[in-house]
Amino acid sequence: MRRPISLGVIGVSLLVLASAAPHWKDLPRIRTHDNERPAGTLIGHVLRVHLEARNALWFPHADDGPSAPMVAFAEAGKTPQIPGPIIRVPAGTVVIASVTNSLPDSTLTVYGLVSRPAPRGDSGVVKIPPGETREVSFQLDAAGEYYYWATTMGRRFAYRTREDSQLSGAIIVD
């Protein structure tokens, strides 16, 4: 007499992934950012940039390889990128950044959109509830390489994992 086959944990996991697949399948693909083109529009000494955090599919090894759902930054209306859009400006530029959280159920906490050198006590933390936009303005006077990053899980930079582990971008001040 044969014993009935049990789905077990692996079988149930595969069923859950299969049922979720159409949702993720419809997401935009994340593009690998070449860090050649700066984000936003620079007029005089003011850069205006519109960033958006949203769900997308990342193909880290090859376009036809396995993918993973991730949260990634994009310029508004453009393809999500890893790393996120680069903010590159000459020293003395004021950056006016609007950041939209397009995630349906996660608060986005953004770090690093702050003046350089950073004023004492200014951590540059911006919390953005789902579906909302916040605008920040800061001046970049100190030449150097910096970064901005975000989390949806409330973790420090080094401890981000899973969906928001790639949610970051460069700031270059020439």
N, C-alpha and C. Protein backbone atom coordinates (compact mmCIF):
# COMPACT_ATOMS: atom_id res chain seq x y z
N MET A 1 0.84 -1.18 0.00
CA MET A 1 0.00 0.00 0.00
C MET A 1 0.89 1.25 0.00
N ARG A 2 0.55 2.16 -0.87
CA ARG A 2 1.32 3.41 -0.96
C ARG A 2 0.90 4.38 0.11
N ARG A 3 1.87 5.17 0.56
CA ARG A 3 1.57 6.22 1.53
C ARG A 3 1.23 7.48 0.77
N PRO A 4 0.30 8.27 1.27
CA PRO A 4 -0.04 9.52 0.58
C PRO A 4 1.16 10.46 0.57
N ILE A 5 1.27 11.22 -0.49
CA ILE A 5 2.37 12.19 -0.63
C ILE A 5 1.99 13.45 0.11
N SER A 6 2.91 13.90 0.92
CA SER A 6 2.69 15.14 1.67
C SER A 6 3.41 16.27 0.95
N LEU A 7 2.75 17.41 0.87
CA LEU A 7 3.39 18.57 0.25
C LEU A 7 4.59 19.04 1.07
N GLY A 8 4.48 18.98 2.37
CA GLY A 8 5.56 19.43 3.23
C GLY A 8 5.84 20.92 3.07
N VAL A 9 6.84 21.36 3.75
CA VAL A 9 7.18 22.79 3.75
C VAL A 9 7.61 23.26 2.36
N ILE A 10 8.43 22.49 1.67
CA ILE A 10 8.92 22.90 0.35
C ILE A 10 7.76 23.01 -0.63
N GLY A 11 6.87 22.03 -0.64
CA GLY A 11 5.73 22.06 -1.56
C GLY A 11 4.82 23.24 -1.29
N VAL A 12 4.55 23.50 -0.03
CA VAL A 12 3.69 24.64 0.32
C VAL A 12 4.37 25.94 -0.10
N SER A 13 5.70 26.04 0.13
CA SER A 13 6.43 27.24 -0.27
C SER A 13 6.34 27.45 -1.77
N LEU A 14 6.49 26.38 -2.55
CA LEU A 14 6.40 26.51 -4.00
C LEU A 14 5.01 26.96 -4.43
N LEU A 15 3.97 26.44 -3.77
CA LEU A 15 2.61 26.86 -4.09
C LEU A 15 2.40 28.34 -3.78
N VAL A 16 2.94 28.79 -2.65
CA VAL A 16 2.81 30.20 -2.29
C VAL A 16 3.54 31.07 -3.30
N LEU A 17 4.76 30.69 -3.68
CA LEU A 17 5.50 31.46 -4.67
C LEU A 17 4.79 31.47 -6.02
N ALA A 18 4.24 30.34 -6.41
CA ALA A 18 3.54 30.28 -7.69
C ALA A 18 2.31 31.18 -7.68
N SER A 19 1.61 31.23 -6.55
CA SER A 19 0.42 32.07 -6.50
C SER A 19 0.78 33.55 -6.45
N ALA A 20 1.98 33.86 -5.95
CA ALA A 20 2.42 35.25 -5.88
C ALA A 20 3.10 35.69 -7.17
N ALA A 21 3.51 34.75 -7.99
CA ALA A 21 4.29 35.06 -9.19
C ALA A 21 3.66 36.10 -10.11
N PRO A 22 2.38 36.03 -10.43
CA PRO A 22 1.83 37.03 -11.35
C PRO A 22 1.99 38.46 -10.83
N HIS A 23 1.87 38.64 -9.52
CA HIS A 23 2.04 39.97 -8.94
C HIS A 23 3.44 40.50 -9.22
N TRP A 24 4.47 39.71 -8.93
CA TRP A 24 5.84 40.15 -9.13
C TRP A 24 6.21 40.19 -10.60
N LYS A 25 5.62 39.31 -11.37
CA LYS A 25 5.92 39.24 -12.80
C LYS A 25 5.56 40.55 -13.50
N ASP A 26 4.56 41.25 -13.00
CA ASP A 26 4.10 42.50 -13.61
C ASP A 26 4.93 43.72 -13.21
N LEU A 27 5.87 43.54 -12.31
CA LEU A 27 6.68 44.67 -11.86
C LEU A 27 7.69 45.09 -12.93
N PRO A 28 8.09 46.37 -12.90
CA PRO A 28 9.13 46.80 -13.85
C PRO A 28 10.45 46.15 -13.49
N ARG A 29 11.32 46.06 -14.48
CA ARG A 29 12.67 45.49 -14.27
C ARG A 29 13.60 46.60 -13.81
N ILE A 30 14.46 46.26 -12.87
CA ILE A 30 15.47 47.20 -12.40
C ILE A 30 16.63 47.20 -13.39
N ARG A 31 17.11 48.39 -13.70
CA ARG A 31 18.25 48.55 -14.60
C ARG A 31 19.50 48.78 -13.75
N THR A 32 20.62 48.21 -14.17
CA THR A 32 21.89 48.47 -13.51
C THR A 32 22.34 49.87 -13.92
N HIS A 33 22.54 50.74 -12.93
CA HIS A 33 22.93 52.12 -13.20
C HIS A 33 24.41 52.17 -13.56
N ASP A 34 24.73 52.85 -14.64
CA ASP A 34 26.12 52.92 -15.09
C ASP A 34 26.89 54.09 -14.45
N ASN A 35 26.20 54.88 -13.64
CA ASN A 35 26.81 56.03 -12.96
C ASN A 35 27.43 57.04 -13.92
N GLU A 36 26.90 57.09 -15.14
CA GLU A 36 27.39 58.04 -16.15
C GLU A 36 26.52 59.29 -16.20
N ARG A 37 25.24 59.14 -16.00
CA ARG A 37 24.30 60.27 -16.14
C ARG A 37 23.77 60.70 -14.78
N PRO A 38 24.00 61.98 -14.42
CA PRO A 38 23.46 62.45 -13.15
C PRO A 38 21.94 62.65 -13.23
N ALA A 39 21.31 62.54 -12.09
CA ALA A 39 19.86 62.68 -12.00
C ALA A 39 19.48 64.16 -11.90
N GLY A 40 18.23 64.44 -12.22
CA GLY A 40 17.68 65.76 -12.02
C GLY A 40 18.04 66.78 -13.08
N THR A 41 17.66 68.02 -12.77
CA THR A 41 17.90 69.14 -13.67
C THR A 41 18.68 70.21 -12.92
N LEU A 42 19.87 70.54 -13.42
CA LEU A 42 20.72 71.55 -12.80
C LEU A 42 20.58 72.85 -13.57
N ILE A 43 20.10 73.89 -12.88
CA ILE A 43 20.00 75.22 -13.46
C ILE A 43 20.75 76.16 -12.52
N GLY A 44 21.85 76.72 -13.04
CA GLY A 44 22.70 77.57 -12.19
C GLY A 44 23.29 76.72 -11.08
N HIS A 45 23.03 77.12 -9.84
CA HIS A 45 23.55 76.38 -8.68
C HIS A 45 22.43 75.68 -7.92
N VAL A 46 21.36 75.28 -8.65
CA VAL A 46 20.25 74.57 -8.01
C VAL A 46 19.94 73.31 -8.82
N LEU A 47 19.99 72.17 -8.13
CA LEU A 47 19.61 70.89 -8.74
C LEU A 47 18.25 70.49 -8.19
N ARG A 48 17.32 70.22 -9.09
CA ARG A 48 16.02 69.67 -8.70
C ARG A 48 15.97 68.22 -9.15
N VAL A 49 15.68 67.34 -8.19
CA VAL A 49 15.62 65.91 -8.49
C VAL A 49 14.38 65.31 -7.82
N HIS A 50 13.72 64.43 -8.55
CA HIS A 50 12.51 63.77 -8.03
C HIS A 50 12.78 62.28 -7.97
N LEU A 51 12.97 61.77 -6.75
CA LEU A 51 13.24 60.35 -6.53
C LEU A 51 11.97 59.63 -6.11
N GLU A 52 11.92 58.36 -6.43
CA GLU A 52 10.77 57.54 -6.07
C GLU A 52 11.29 56.17 -5.65
N ALA A 53 10.79 55.65 -4.53
CA ALA A 53 11.11 54.28 -4.11
C ALA A 53 9.92 53.41 -4.50
N ARG A 54 10.22 52.34 -5.25
CA ARG A 54 9.12 51.47 -5.65
C ARG A 54 9.57 50.03 -5.83
N ASN A 55 8.61 49.13 -5.84
CA ASN A 55 8.88 47.71 -6.04
C ASN A 55 9.24 47.45 -7.50
N ALA A 56 10.18 46.55 -7.70
CA ALA A 56 10.60 46.18 -9.05
C ALA A 56 11.29 44.82 -8.98
N LEU A 57 11.60 44.27 -10.14
CA LEU A 57 12.32 42.99 -10.23
C LEU A 57 13.77 43.22 -10.58
N TRP A 58 14.66 42.60 -9.81
CA TRP A 58 16.10 42.72 -10.03
C TRP A 58 16.62 41.41 -10.58
N PHE A 59 17.35 41.49 -11.67
CA PHE A 59 18.01 40.35 -12.28
C PHE A 59 19.51 40.54 -12.07
N PRO A 60 20.07 40.13 -10.92
CA PRO A 60 21.45 40.48 -10.58
C PRO A 60 22.51 39.79 -11.42
N HIS A 61 22.20 38.65 -12.04
CA HIS A 61 23.24 37.91 -12.76
C HIS A 61 23.14 38.04 -14.28
N ALA A 62 21.93 38.03 -14.80
CA ALA A 62 21.73 38.12 -16.25
C ALA A 62 20.28 38.47 -16.52
N ASP A 63 20.03 39.11 -17.67
CA ASP A 63 18.67 39.50 -18.01
C ASP A 63 17.71 38.33 -18.10
N ASP A 64 18.23 37.15 -18.41
CA ASP A 64 17.37 35.98 -18.51
C ASP A 64 17.57 35.04 -17.32
N GLY A 65 18.29 35.50 -16.28
CA GLY A 65 18.55 34.69 -15.10
C GLY A 65 17.44 34.84 -14.07
N PRO A 66 17.67 34.29 -12.89
CA PRO A 66 16.68 34.40 -11.82
C PRO A 66 16.54 35.86 -11.37
N SER A 67 15.36 36.17 -10.87
CA SER A 67 15.11 37.54 -10.41
C SER A 67 14.67 37.52 -8.96
N ALA A 68 14.72 38.70 -8.36
CA ALA A 68 14.27 38.87 -6.98
C ALA A 68 13.50 40.17 -6.88
N PRO A 69 12.35 40.15 -6.19
CA PRO A 69 11.64 41.40 -5.97
C PRO A 69 12.43 42.28 -4.99
N MET A 70 12.59 43.54 -5.33
CA MET A 70 13.37 44.49 -4.53
C MET A 70 12.66 45.83 -4.50
N VAL A 71 13.07 46.65 -3.57
CA VAL A 71 12.68 48.05 -3.58
C VAL A 71 13.89 48.80 -4.13
N ALA A 72 13.65 49.67 -5.10
CA ALA A 72 14.75 50.41 -5.72
C ALA A 72 14.34 51.86 -5.93
N PHE A 73 15.33 52.72 -5.98
CA PHE A 73 15.10 54.13 -6.30
C PHE A 73 15.03 54.30 -7.81
N ALA A 74 14.24 55.26 -8.22
CA ALA A 74 14.15 55.66 -9.62
C ALA A 74 13.94 57.16 -9.64
N GLU A 75 14.31 57.79 -10.75
CA GLU A 75 13.83 59.15 -10.96
C GLU A 75 12.37 59.01 -11.33
N ALA A 76 11.54 59.93 -10.90
CA ALA A 76 10.10 59.85 -11.18
C ALA A 76 9.86 59.66 -12.67
N GLY A 77 9.06 58.66 -13.01
CA GLY A 77 8.71 58.39 -14.40
C GLY A 77 9.75 57.59 -15.17
N LYS A 78 10.84 57.20 -14.51
CA LYS A 78 11.90 56.45 -15.19
C LYS A 78 12.06 55.06 -14.56
N THR A 79 12.91 54.27 -15.17
CA THR A 79 13.16 52.90 -14.73
C THR A 79 13.90 52.87 -13.40
N PRO A 80 13.49 52.00 -12.46
CA PRO A 80 14.24 51.84 -11.21
C PRO A 80 15.68 51.40 -11.51
N GLN A 81 16.61 51.79 -10.63
CA GLN A 81 18.02 51.52 -10.85
C GLN A 81 18.71 51.02 -9.58
N ILE A 82 19.69 50.17 -9.78
CA ILE A 82 20.60 49.77 -8.70
C ILE A 82 22.01 49.99 -9.21
N PRO A 83 22.82 50.82 -8.55
CA PRO A 83 22.44 51.71 -7.47
C PRO A 83 21.47 52.78 -7.96
N GLY A 84 20.88 53.49 -7.01
CA GLY A 84 19.89 54.50 -7.34
C GLY A 84 20.47 55.65 -8.15
N PRO A 85 19.61 56.56 -8.59
CA PRO A 85 20.07 57.71 -9.38
C PRO A 85 21.20 58.47 -8.68
N ILE A 86 22.19 58.85 -9.46
CA ILE A 86 23.36 59.54 -8.90
C ILE A 86 23.07 61.04 -8.86
N ILE A 87 23.38 61.63 -7.73
CA ILE A 87 23.27 63.07 -7.58
C ILE A 87 24.70 63.60 -7.72
N ARG A 88 24.98 64.28 -8.83
CA ARG A 88 26.33 64.79 -9.09
C ARG A 88 26.25 66.28 -9.39
N VAL A 89 26.96 67.07 -8.58
CA VAL A 89 26.88 68.52 -8.70
C VAL A 89 28.22 69.16 -8.39
N PRO A 90 28.42 70.40 -8.86
CA PRO A 90 29.61 71.14 -8.43
C PRO A 90 29.39 71.66 -7.00
N ALA A 91 30.50 71.82 -6.27
CA ALA A 91 30.42 72.36 -4.91
C ALA A 91 29.68 73.69 -4.92
N GLY A 92 28.87 73.91 -3.90
CA GLY A 92 28.09 75.13 -3.79
C GLY A 92 26.68 75.00 -4.32
N THR A 93 26.29 73.82 -4.76
CA THR A 93 24.95 73.60 -5.32
C THR A 93 23.93 73.33 -4.22
N VAL A 94 22.76 73.91 -4.39
CA VAL A 94 21.62 73.60 -3.53
C VAL A 94 20.82 72.51 -4.22
N VAL A 95 20.51 71.45 -3.48
CA VAL A 95 19.72 70.35 -4.02
C VAL A 95 18.32 70.43 -3.42
N ILE A 96 17.34 70.42 -4.30
CA ILE A 96 15.94 70.34 -3.86
C ILE A 96 15.45 68.98 -4.34
N ALA A 97 15.29 68.06 -3.39
CA ALA A 97 14.91 66.69 -3.73
C ALA A 97 13.51 66.39 -3.20
N SER A 98 12.66 65.92 -4.08
CA SER A 98 11.38 65.40 -3.62
C SER A 98 11.48 63.88 -3.70
N VAL A 99 11.06 63.22 -2.64
CA VAL A 99 11.14 61.76 -2.56
C VAL A 99 9.74 61.22 -2.34
N THR A 100 9.32 60.34 -3.24
CA THR A 100 7.99 59.72 -3.16
C THR A 100 8.14 58.28 -2.73
N ASN A 101 7.32 57.89 -1.78
CA ASN A 101 7.26 56.50 -1.33
C ASN A 101 6.08 55.85 -2.06
N SER A 102 6.37 55.08 -3.11
CA SER A 102 5.31 54.41 -3.87
C SER A 102 5.01 53.01 -3.37
N LEU A 103 5.53 52.68 -2.21
CA LEU A 103 5.28 51.36 -1.63
C LEU A 103 3.90 51.36 -0.97
N PRO A 104 3.12 50.30 -1.16
CA PRO A 104 1.75 50.32 -0.68
C PRO A 104 1.58 50.21 0.83
N ASP A 105 2.55 49.61 1.53
CA ASP A 105 2.31 49.35 2.95
C ASP A 105 3.55 49.48 3.84
N SER A 106 4.55 50.22 3.39
CA SER A 106 5.78 50.37 4.19
C SER A 106 6.18 51.83 4.28
N THR A 107 6.52 52.27 5.48
CA THR A 107 7.09 53.60 5.66
C THR A 107 8.53 53.55 5.20
N LEU A 108 8.93 54.55 4.46
CA LEU A 108 10.29 54.66 3.95
C LEU A 108 11.05 55.65 4.82
N THR A 109 12.22 55.25 5.32
CA THR A 109 13.07 56.13 6.09
C THR A 109 14.34 56.36 5.28
N VAL A 110 14.57 57.63 4.89
CA VAL A 110 15.67 57.99 4.01
C VAL A 110 16.74 58.73 4.81
N TYR A 111 18.00 58.38 4.56
CA TYR A 111 19.15 58.98 5.22
C TYR A 111 20.09 59.57 4.16
N GLY A 112 20.84 60.59 4.55
CA GLY A 112 21.92 61.09 3.70
C GLY A 112 21.60 62.26 2.81
N LEU A 113 20.35 62.67 2.73
CA LEU A 113 19.99 63.85 1.93
C LEU A 113 20.14 65.06 2.85
N VAL A 114 21.40 65.43 3.06
CA VAL A 114 21.75 66.45 4.04
C VAL A 114 22.92 67.28 3.50
N SER A 115 23.05 68.51 3.98
CA SER A 115 24.15 69.38 3.56
C SER A 115 25.49 68.74 3.86
N ARG A 116 26.48 69.09 3.02
CA ARG A 116 27.85 68.62 3.23
C ARG A 116 28.75 69.84 3.23
N PRO A 117 29.49 70.14 4.26
CA PRO A 117 29.57 69.34 5.47
C PRO A 117 28.25 69.38 6.24
N ALA A 118 27.97 68.28 6.92
CA ALA A 118 26.70 68.17 7.65
C ALA A 118 26.73 69.03 8.90
N PRO A 119 25.66 69.81 9.10
CA PRO A 119 25.59 70.60 10.34
C PRO A 119 25.53 69.66 11.55
N ARG A 120 26.13 70.09 12.63
CA ARG A 120 26.14 69.28 13.86
C ARG A 120 24.70 68.97 14.28
N GLY A 121 24.43 67.70 14.52
CA GLY A 121 23.12 67.28 14.99
C GLY A 121 22.09 67.05 13.89
N ASP A 122 22.44 67.31 12.63
CA ASP A 122 21.48 67.09 11.54
C ASP A 122 21.76 65.73 10.91
N SER A 123 20.88 64.78 11.18
CA SER A 123 21.09 63.43 10.66
C SER A 123 20.50 63.25 9.26
N GLY A 124 19.71 64.22 8.83
CA GLY A 124 19.14 64.13 7.50
C GLY A 124 18.13 63.02 7.33
N VAL A 125 17.46 62.61 8.39
CA VAL A 125 16.48 61.52 8.33
C VAL A 125 15.13 62.06 7.87
N VAL A 126 14.56 61.40 6.86
CA VAL A 126 13.24 61.78 6.34
C VAL A 126 12.36 60.54 6.35
N LYS A 127 11.26 60.61 7.09
CA LYS A 127 10.30 59.49 7.13
C LYS A 127 9.14 59.81 6.20
N ILE A 128 8.81 58.84 5.33
CA ILE A 128 7.77 59.06 4.33
C ILE A 128 6.76 57.91 4.39
N PRO A 129 5.54 58.19 4.81
CA PRO A 129 4.51 57.15 4.85
C PRO A 129 4.15 56.66 3.44
N PRO A 130 3.53 55.50 3.34
CA PRO A 130 3.16 54.96 2.02
C PRO A 130 2.33 55.96 1.21
N GLY A 131 2.69 56.09 -0.07
CA GLY A 131 1.94 56.94 -0.98
C GLY A 131 2.19 58.43 -0.85
N GLU A 132 3.09 58.83 0.02
CA GLU A 132 3.33 60.26 0.24
C GLU A 132 4.68 60.71 -0.31
N THR A 133 4.83 62.03 -0.42
CA THR A 133 6.06 62.65 -0.93
C THR A 133 6.54 63.67 0.08
N ARG A 134 7.85 63.73 0.26
CA ARG A 134 8.47 64.75 1.10
C ARG A 134 9.52 65.47 0.27
N GLU A 135 9.67 66.77 0.53
CA GLU A 135 10.70 67.55 -0.15
C GLU A 135 11.74 67.97 0.86
N VAL A 136 13.01 67.82 0.48
CA VAL A 136 14.12 68.25 1.32
C VAL A 136 15.02 69.14 0.49
N SER A 137 15.64 70.09 1.17
CA SER A 137 16.56 71.00 0.50
C SER A 137 17.85 71.01 1.32
N PHE A 138 18.98 70.92 0.62
CA PHE A 138 20.26 70.92 1.30
C PHE A 138 21.33 71.46 0.36
N GLN A 139 22.41 71.96 0.93
CA GLN A 139 23.48 72.54 0.14
C GLN A 139 24.72 71.65 0.23
N LEU A 140 25.34 71.44 -0.94
CA LEU A 140 26.53 70.60 -1.01
C LEU A 140 27.74 71.48 -1.29
N ASP A 141 28.49 71.80 -0.23
CA ASP A 141 29.66 72.67 -0.34
C ASP A 141 30.98 71.91 -0.31
N ALA A 142 31.02 70.77 0.35
CA ALA A 142 32.27 70.02 0.53
C ALA A 142 32.43 68.98 -0.57
N ALA A 143 33.47 69.15 -1.39
CA ALA A 143 33.74 68.17 -2.45
C ALA A 143 33.98 66.80 -1.83
N GLY A 144 33.49 65.78 -2.50
CA GLY A 144 33.70 64.42 -2.00
C GLY A 144 32.65 63.46 -2.54
N GLU A 145 32.73 62.24 -2.06
CA GLU A 145 31.80 61.17 -2.45
C GLU A 145 31.00 60.78 -1.23
N TYR A 146 29.68 60.80 -1.37
CA TYR A 146 28.77 60.51 -0.28
C TYR A 146 27.71 59.54 -0.79
N TYR A 147 26.78 59.17 0.05
CA TYR A 147 25.70 58.32 -0.40
C TYR A 147 24.42 58.64 0.35
N TYR A 148 23.31 58.26 -0.25
CA TYR A 148 22.02 58.31 0.42
C TYR A 148 21.49 56.89 0.42
N TRP A 149 20.65 56.57 1.37
CA TRP A 149 20.11 55.22 1.46
C TRP A 149 18.79 55.27 2.21
N ALA A 150 18.05 54.17 2.12
CA ALA A 150 16.76 54.11 2.79
C ALA A 150 16.49 52.70 3.28
N THR A 151 15.54 52.61 4.18
CA THR A 151 15.10 51.32 4.69
C THR A 151 13.59 51.32 4.85
N THR A 152 13.01 50.17 4.67
CA THR A 152 11.58 49.98 4.95
C THR A 152 11.41 49.11 6.18
N MET A 153 12.53 48.58 6.68
CA MET A 153 12.48 47.64 7.80
C MET A 153 13.02 48.24 9.09
N GLY A 154 13.41 49.51 9.06
CA GLY A 154 13.90 50.18 10.27
C GLY A 154 15.27 49.71 10.72
N ARG A 155 16.05 49.18 9.81
CA ARG A 155 17.37 48.65 10.17
C ARG A 155 18.47 49.65 9.79
N ARG A 156 19.60 49.54 10.48
CA ARG A 156 20.78 50.34 10.14
C ARG A 156 21.32 49.88 8.80
N PHE A 157 22.14 50.72 8.20
CA PHE A 157 22.67 50.45 6.86
C PHE A 157 23.29 49.06 6.73
N ALA A 158 24.15 48.70 7.63
CA ALA A 158 24.87 47.43 7.55
C ALA A 158 23.97 46.21 7.75
N TYR A 159 22.79 46.42 8.31
CA TYR A 159 21.92 45.29 8.64
C TYR A 159 20.69 45.18 7.74
N ARG A 160 20.66 45.96 6.66
CA ARG A 160 19.54 45.85 5.73
C ARG A 160 19.65 44.53 4.99
N THR A 161 18.54 43.88 4.81
CA THR A 161 18.50 42.61 4.08
C THR A 161 17.25 42.59 3.22
N ARG A 162 17.15 41.59 2.43
CA ARG A 162 15.97 41.31 1.63
C ARG A 162 15.59 42.49 0.75
N GLU A 163 14.31 42.87 0.80
CA GLU A 163 13.74 43.81 -0.17
C GLU A 163 14.43 45.15 -0.26
N ASP A 164 14.92 45.68 0.85
CA ASP A 164 15.48 47.04 0.77
C ASP A 164 17.01 47.07 0.85
N SER A 165 17.65 45.93 0.62
CA SER A 165 19.10 45.86 0.74
C SER A 165 19.85 46.66 -0.34
N GLN A 166 19.19 46.98 -1.43
CA GLN A 166 19.84 47.71 -2.53
C GLN A 166 19.33 49.15 -2.65
N LEU A 167 18.66 49.63 -1.65
CA LEU A 167 18.01 50.93 -1.69
C LEU A 167 19.00 52.03 -1.30
N SER A 168 19.87 52.42 -2.27
CA SER A 168 20.87 53.44 -2.01
C SER A 168 21.37 54.05 -3.32
N GLY A 169 22.03 55.19 -3.20
CA GLY A 169 22.56 55.87 -4.37
C GLY A 169 23.72 56.77 -3.97
N ALA A 170 24.46 57.26 -4.96
CA ALA A 170 25.66 58.06 -4.71
C ALA A 170 25.36 59.56 -4.82
N ILE A 171 26.12 60.33 -4.04
CA ILE A 171 26.14 61.78 -4.14
C ILE A 171 27.60 62.16 -4.38
N ILE A 172 27.87 62.80 -5.51
CA ILE A 172 29.23 63.21 -5.87
C ILE A 172 29.24 64.74 -5.94
N VAL A 173 30.15 65.35 -5.18
CA VAL A 173 30.31 66.80 -5.19
C VAL A 173 31.67 67.09 -5.77
N ASP A 174 31.68 67.72 -6.95
CA ASP A 174 32.94 68.04 -7.65
C ASP A 174 33.49 69.37 -7.19
